[in-house]
Amino acid sequence: MTRNDYDTAARWIEEAARPVAFTGAGISVESGIPTFRGPTGLWSRYDPKILDLGYFYEHPKESWEAIREIFYDYMGANARPNAAHRFLAELERRGKLQGVITQNIDNLHQEAGSRNVIEFHGTAQKLLCTQCGDRTPFTEHDLNDLPPLCKKCGGLLKPDFIFFGESIPPEAYQRSLALCERADLLLIIGTTGEVMPASMLPYEGKKAKVIEINVEPSAYTAHRTDIFLRAKATEAAKELAKRLGMDLE
């Protein structure tokens, strides 16, 4: 990675007609949200079965105790958008980003100001009734009383994000596919490219150049990436913002 890589990447962003961002857990690490995988990831401290749909239905209280601790007590209280989130929001505001496809469920893109955000794996901001399908903000429920139940029908509520054993919502999948197919530039930030089917999306953007920002090479680096900026998301965002005349503070 050289200064010229940043110069070229900034020029590509400036010249692109239909740029799209594709983000993963790595963009939110500097906001205080740990990744799930890896030696220090959440799955080193929690059993992944808490997000297995079958286990959730059989043991809703036990699942919800861990879910509350991870996604609501910790992440919800401490996480704030960082410079990389703000960079993408500013690109969109300037008309230089068609949208963000994110695998994250933390709502940080929206908090930073991004408007066209496709939450590929859902969101922690709402709870879904497993019986009647009603969706409500999690703030409308007392998560000290577990498991939370639907106020309309009394059914079991689950976070409105994908559990193991669930399919990607068709609307999110189709919208993501359409964005990638039309894109002439993909900005990949903080994803390893290992989680299917999200990992296939950059390959759908066959006409798009790819700028990748990651601290380590990913599944895309050798085969799909044109410019690899090996850096933390915030560091790369600040370098690009400087070249594009943006103030991220």
Protein backbone atom coordinates (compact mmCIF):
# COMPACT_ATOMS: atom_id res chain seq x y z
CA MET A 1 0.00 0.00 0.00
CA THR A 2 1.42 3.34 -1.04
CA ARG A 3 0.39 6.97 -1.07
CA ASN A 4 -0.41 6.43 -4.75
CA ASP A 5 -2.94 3.73 -3.81
CA TYR A 6 -4.88 6.27 -1.76
CA ASP A 7 -4.58 8.85 -4.52
CA THR A 8 -5.91 6.37 -7.09
CA ALA A 9 -8.69 5.16 -4.79
CA ALA A 10 -9.82 8.72 -4.13
CA ARG A 11 -9.84 9.43 -7.85
CA TRP A 12 -11.92 6.32 -8.56
CA ILE A 13 -14.45 7.38 -5.92
CA GLU A 14 -14.63 10.87 -7.41
CA GLU A 15 -15.08 9.55 -10.95
CA ALA A 16 -17.52 6.70 -10.22
CA ALA A 17 -21.11 7.06 -11.36
CA ARG A 18 -22.63 4.22 -9.32
CA PRO A 19 -20.39 3.47 -6.31
CA VAL A 20 -21.64 1.08 -3.62
CA ALA A 21 -20.21 0.23 -0.18
CA PHE A 22 -20.20 -3.30 1.26
CA THR A 23 -19.35 -3.45 4.96
CA GLY A 24 -18.76 -6.05 7.63
CA ALA A 25 -17.83 -6.31 11.29
CA GLY A 26 -14.43 -4.69 10.78
CA ILE A 27 -15.91 -1.25 10.19
CA SER A 28 -17.51 -1.26 13.65
CA VAL A 29 -14.59 -2.66 15.67
CA GLU A 30 -13.31 0.86 16.34
CA SER A 31 -16.76 1.78 17.64
CA GLY A 32 -16.23 -0.77 20.40
CA ILE A 33 -18.15 -3.66 18.84
CA PRO A 34 -16.14 -6.90 18.84
CA THR A 35 -16.23 -9.30 15.92
CA PHE A 36 -17.82 -12.72 16.35
CA ARG A 37 -14.99 -14.78 14.92
CA GLY A 38 -11.31 -14.94 15.80
CA PRO A 39 -9.42 -15.56 19.06
CA THR A 40 -10.91 -12.50 20.78
CA GLY A 41 -14.32 -12.66 19.08
CA LEU A 42 -17.63 -13.03 20.85
CA TRP A 43 -17.81 -16.74 20.08
CA SER A 44 -14.73 -17.24 22.26
CA ARG A 45 -16.88 -16.11 25.21
CA TYR A 46 -20.39 -17.17 24.23
CA ASP A 47 -21.77 -20.39 22.79
CA PRO A 48 -22.95 -19.77 19.20
CA LYS A 49 -25.99 -21.95 19.91
CA ILE A 50 -27.68 -18.92 21.51
CA LEU A 51 -28.33 -17.75 17.95
CA ASP A 52 -29.43 -21.14 16.68
CA LEU A 53 -33.11 -20.88 15.83
CA GLY A 54 -33.98 -24.32 17.17
CA TYR A 55 -32.22 -23.69 20.47
CA PHE A 56 -33.86 -20.27 20.74
CA TYR A 57 -37.35 -21.77 20.50
CA GLU A 58 -36.52 -24.51 23.01
CA HIS A 59 -34.68 -22.26 25.48
CA PRO A 60 -35.90 -18.70 24.86
CA LYS A 61 -35.02 -17.36 28.32
CA GLU A 62 -31.44 -18.67 28.23
CA SER A 63 -30.92 -17.40 24.69
CA TRP A 64 -32.38 -14.01 25.52
CA GLU A 65 -30.14 -13.56 28.58
CA ALA A 66 -27.04 -13.80 26.37
CA ILE A 67 -28.63 -11.82 23.52
CA ARG A 68 -29.54 -8.98 25.88
CA GLU A 69 -26.03 -8.90 27.33
CA ILE A 70 -24.30 -8.87 23.92
CA PHE A 71 -26.57 -6.78 21.73
CA TYR A 72 -28.45 -4.48 24.09
CA ASP A 73 -26.63 -4.01 27.41
CA TYR A 74 -23.16 -3.79 25.87
CA MET A 75 -23.37 -2.77 22.21
CA GLY A 76 -26.42 -0.59 22.55
CA ALA A 77 -25.01 1.39 25.45
CA ASN A 78 -21.47 1.95 24.19
CA ALA A 79 -21.28 1.91 20.41
CA ARG A 80 -21.12 5.15 18.42
CA PRO A 81 -20.41 5.74 14.71
CA ASN A 82 -16.75 6.24 13.86
CA ALA A 83 -14.94 8.10 11.08
CA ALA A 84 -15.47 5.28 8.58
CA HIS A 85 -19.24 5.36 9.10
CA ARG A 86 -19.20 9.14 8.78
CA PHE A 87 -17.10 8.92 5.61
CA LEU A 88 -19.71 6.75 3.88
CA ALA A 89 -22.53 8.99 5.05
CA GLU A 90 -20.73 12.05 3.67
CA LEU A 91 -20.10 10.30 0.35
CA GLU A 92 -23.82 9.60 0.07
CA ARG A 93 -24.68 13.18 1.02
CA ARG A 94 -22.44 14.40 -1.79
CA GLY A 95 -24.07 12.06 -4.28
CA LYS A 96 -20.95 9.87 -4.48
CA LEU A 97 -22.45 6.70 -3.01
CA GLN A 98 -25.55 4.86 -4.19
CA GLY A 99 -25.98 2.97 -0.94
CA VAL A 100 -24.46 0.81 1.78
CA ILE A 101 -24.95 -2.95 1.98
CA THR A 102 -24.00 -3.98 5.49
CA GLN A 103 -23.74 -7.34 7.21
CA ASN A 104 -23.84 -5.52 10.55
CA ILE A 105 -26.91 -5.22 12.75
CA ASP A 106 -25.69 -2.29 14.87
CA ASN A 107 -27.48 0.65 13.15
CA LEU A 108 -24.25 2.69 13.12
CA HIS A 109 -24.46 3.56 9.44
CA GLN A 110 -27.87 5.14 10.00
CA GLU A 111 -26.68 6.94 13.13
CA ALA A 112 -23.82 8.39 11.10
CA GLY A 113 -26.31 9.79 8.59
CA SER A 114 -26.46 7.19 5.82
CA ARG A 115 -29.94 6.95 4.34
CA ASN A 116 -29.88 4.13 1.80
CA VAL A 117 -28.71 1.26 3.99
CA ILE A 118 -29.54 -2.36 3.22
CA GLU A 119 -29.20 -4.45 6.39
CA PHE A 120 -28.42 -7.80 4.80
CA HIS A 121 -28.61 -9.72 8.07
CA GLY A 122 -31.34 -7.63 9.69
CA THR A 123 -31.20 -5.28 12.65
CA ALA A 124 -31.06 -5.35 16.43
CA GLN A 125 -33.16 -2.20 16.58
CA LYS A 126 -36.46 -4.05 16.19
CA LEU A 127 -38.01 -7.16 17.68
CA LEU A 128 -40.01 -9.58 15.55
CA CYS A 129 -42.98 -11.57 16.83
CA THR A 130 -42.46 -15.21 15.90
CA GLN A 131 -46.23 -15.76 15.81
CA CYS A 132 -47.95 -12.74 14.22
CA GLY A 133 -44.93 -11.16 12.49
CA ASP A 134 -45.35 -7.75 14.13
CA ARG A 135 -42.18 -5.64 14.29
CA THR A 136 -41.61 -3.11 17.06
CA PRO A 137 -38.64 -1.05 18.31
CA PHE A 138 -36.79 -2.88 21.08
CA THR A 139 -37.12 0.25 23.22
CA GLU A 140 -40.85 -0.45 23.57
CA HIS A 141 -40.12 -3.60 25.55
CA ASP A 142 -38.75 -4.31 29.02
CA LEU A 143 -35.72 -6.50 28.41
CA ASN A 144 -35.39 -7.11 32.13
CA ASP A 145 -38.44 -9.37 31.82
CA LEU A 146 -37.30 -12.27 29.66
CA PRO A 147 -38.22 -13.57 27.23
CA PRO A 148 -40.07 -10.52 25.85
CA LEU A 149 -43.54 -11.22 24.48
CA CYS A 150 -45.59 -9.57 21.75
CA LYS A 151 -48.01 -6.92 23.02
CA LYS A 152 -50.48 -7.81 20.29
CA CYS A 153 -50.69 -11.60 20.49
CA GLY A 154 -48.44 -12.72 23.36
CA GLY A 155 -46.06 -14.54 21.03
CA LEU A 156 -42.33 -14.93 21.62
CA LEU A 157 -40.24 -12.02 20.35
CA LYS A 158 -36.82 -12.40 18.76
CA PRO A 159 -34.39 -9.76 17.49
CA ASP A 160 -35.10 -8.89 13.88
CA PHE A 161 -31.79 -10.24 12.63
CA ILE A 162 -30.82 -13.53 11.05
CA PHE A 163 -30.24 -16.50 13.34
CA PHE A 164 -28.42 -19.66 12.29
CA GLY A 165 -30.93 -21.70 10.32
CA GLU A 166 -32.75 -18.67 8.87
CA SER A 167 -32.75 -17.41 5.30
CA ILE A 168 -31.78 -13.92 4.17
CA PRO A 169 -34.90 -11.73 3.78
CA PRO A 170 -35.76 -11.78 0.05
CA GLU A 171 -36.14 -8.00 -0.19
CA ALA A 172 -32.69 -7.35 1.30
CA TYR A 173 -31.14 -9.95 -0.98
CA GLN A 174 -32.77 -8.63 -4.15
CA ARG A 175 -32.00 -4.98 -3.38
CA SER A 176 -28.37 -5.85 -2.62
CA LEU A 177 -28.08 -7.86 -5.82
CA ALA A 178 -29.52 -5.01 -7.88
CA LEU A 179 -27.12 -2.45 -6.37
CA CYS A 180 -24.09 -4.65 -6.99
CA GLU A 181 -25.07 -5.52 -10.55
CA ARG A 182 -25.34 -1.83 -11.47
CA ALA A 183 -22.25 -0.68 -9.55
CA ASP A 184 -19.16 0.62 -11.31
CA LEU A 185 -17.19 0.79 -8.04
CA LEU A 186 -17.39 -1.35 -4.91
CA LEU A 187 -15.90 -0.14 -1.65
CA ILE A 188 -15.41 -3.19 0.57
CA ILE A 189 -14.73 -2.37 4.22
CA GLY A 190 -14.14 -4.70 7.15
CA THR A 191 -15.41 -8.02 5.83
CA THR A 192 -13.49 -11.28 5.44
CA GLY A 193 -15.69 -12.55 2.61
CA GLU A 194 -16.32 -15.84 4.39
CA VAL A 195 -20.01 -15.63 5.34
CA MET A 196 -22.38 -16.93 2.68
CA PRO A 197 -24.42 -15.78 0.84
CA ALA A 198 -23.29 -12.19 1.54
CA SER A 199 -19.75 -13.08 0.49
CA MET A 200 -20.90 -13.61 -3.11
CA LEU A 201 -22.27 -10.09 -3.59
CA PRO A 202 -19.01 -8.45 -4.76
CA TYR A 203 -18.78 -11.06 -7.50
CA GLU A 204 -22.18 -9.94 -8.81
CA GLY A 205 -20.73 -6.52 -9.54
CA LYS A 206 -18.90 -7.81 -12.58
CA LYS A 207 -18.32 -4.36 -14.10
CA ALA A 208 -17.16 -2.75 -10.86
CA LYS A 209 -13.66 -1.87 -9.78
CA VAL A 210 -13.01 -2.89 -6.16
CA ILE A 211 -11.33 -0.90 -3.41
CA GLU A 212 -10.87 -3.02 -0.29
CA ILE A 213 -10.09 -1.71 3.20
CA ASN A 214 -9.10 -4.39 5.70
CA VAL A 215 -6.43 -4.91 8.34
CA GLU A 216 -5.65 -8.33 6.86
CA PRO A 217 -6.14 -9.82 3.39
CA SER A 218 -9.60 -11.30 2.87
CA ALA A 219 -11.12 -13.87 0.55
CA TYR A 220 -11.46 -11.03 -1.98
CA THR A 221 -7.94 -9.63 -1.90
CA ALA A 222 -6.24 -11.95 -4.37
CA HIS A 223 -9.15 -12.60 -6.71
CA ARG A 224 -11.54 -9.63 -6.72
CA THR A 225 -9.76 -6.58 -5.29
CA ASP A 226 -8.11 -3.95 -7.50
CA ILE A 227 -6.75 -1.70 -4.75
CA PHE A 228 -6.07 -3.14 -1.28
CA LEU A 229 -5.73 -0.52 1.46
CA ARG A 230 -4.31 -2.47 4.39
CA ALA A 231 -5.42 -0.33 7.30
CA LYS A 232 -8.02 0.13 9.98
CA ALA A 233 -11.29 1.40 8.58
CA THR A 234 -11.01 4.79 10.29
CA GLU A 235 -7.41 5.32 9.18
CA ALA A 236 -8.21 4.60 5.54
CA ALA A 237 -11.39 6.68 5.69
CA LYS A 238 -9.47 9.70 7.00
CA GLU A 239 -6.82 9.37 4.29
CA LEU A 240 -9.45 9.17 1.56
CA ALA A 241 -11.51 11.96 3.10
CA LYS A 242 -8.48 14.24 3.15
CA ARG A 243 -7.96 13.68 -0.58
CA LEU A 244 -11.65 14.29 -1.27
CA GLY A 245 -11.80 17.50 0.76
CA MET A 246 -13.97 16.11 3.55
CA ASP A 247 -14.01 16.95 7.25
CA LEU A 248 -15.08 13.89 9.25
CA GLU A 249 -14.97 15.51 12.70
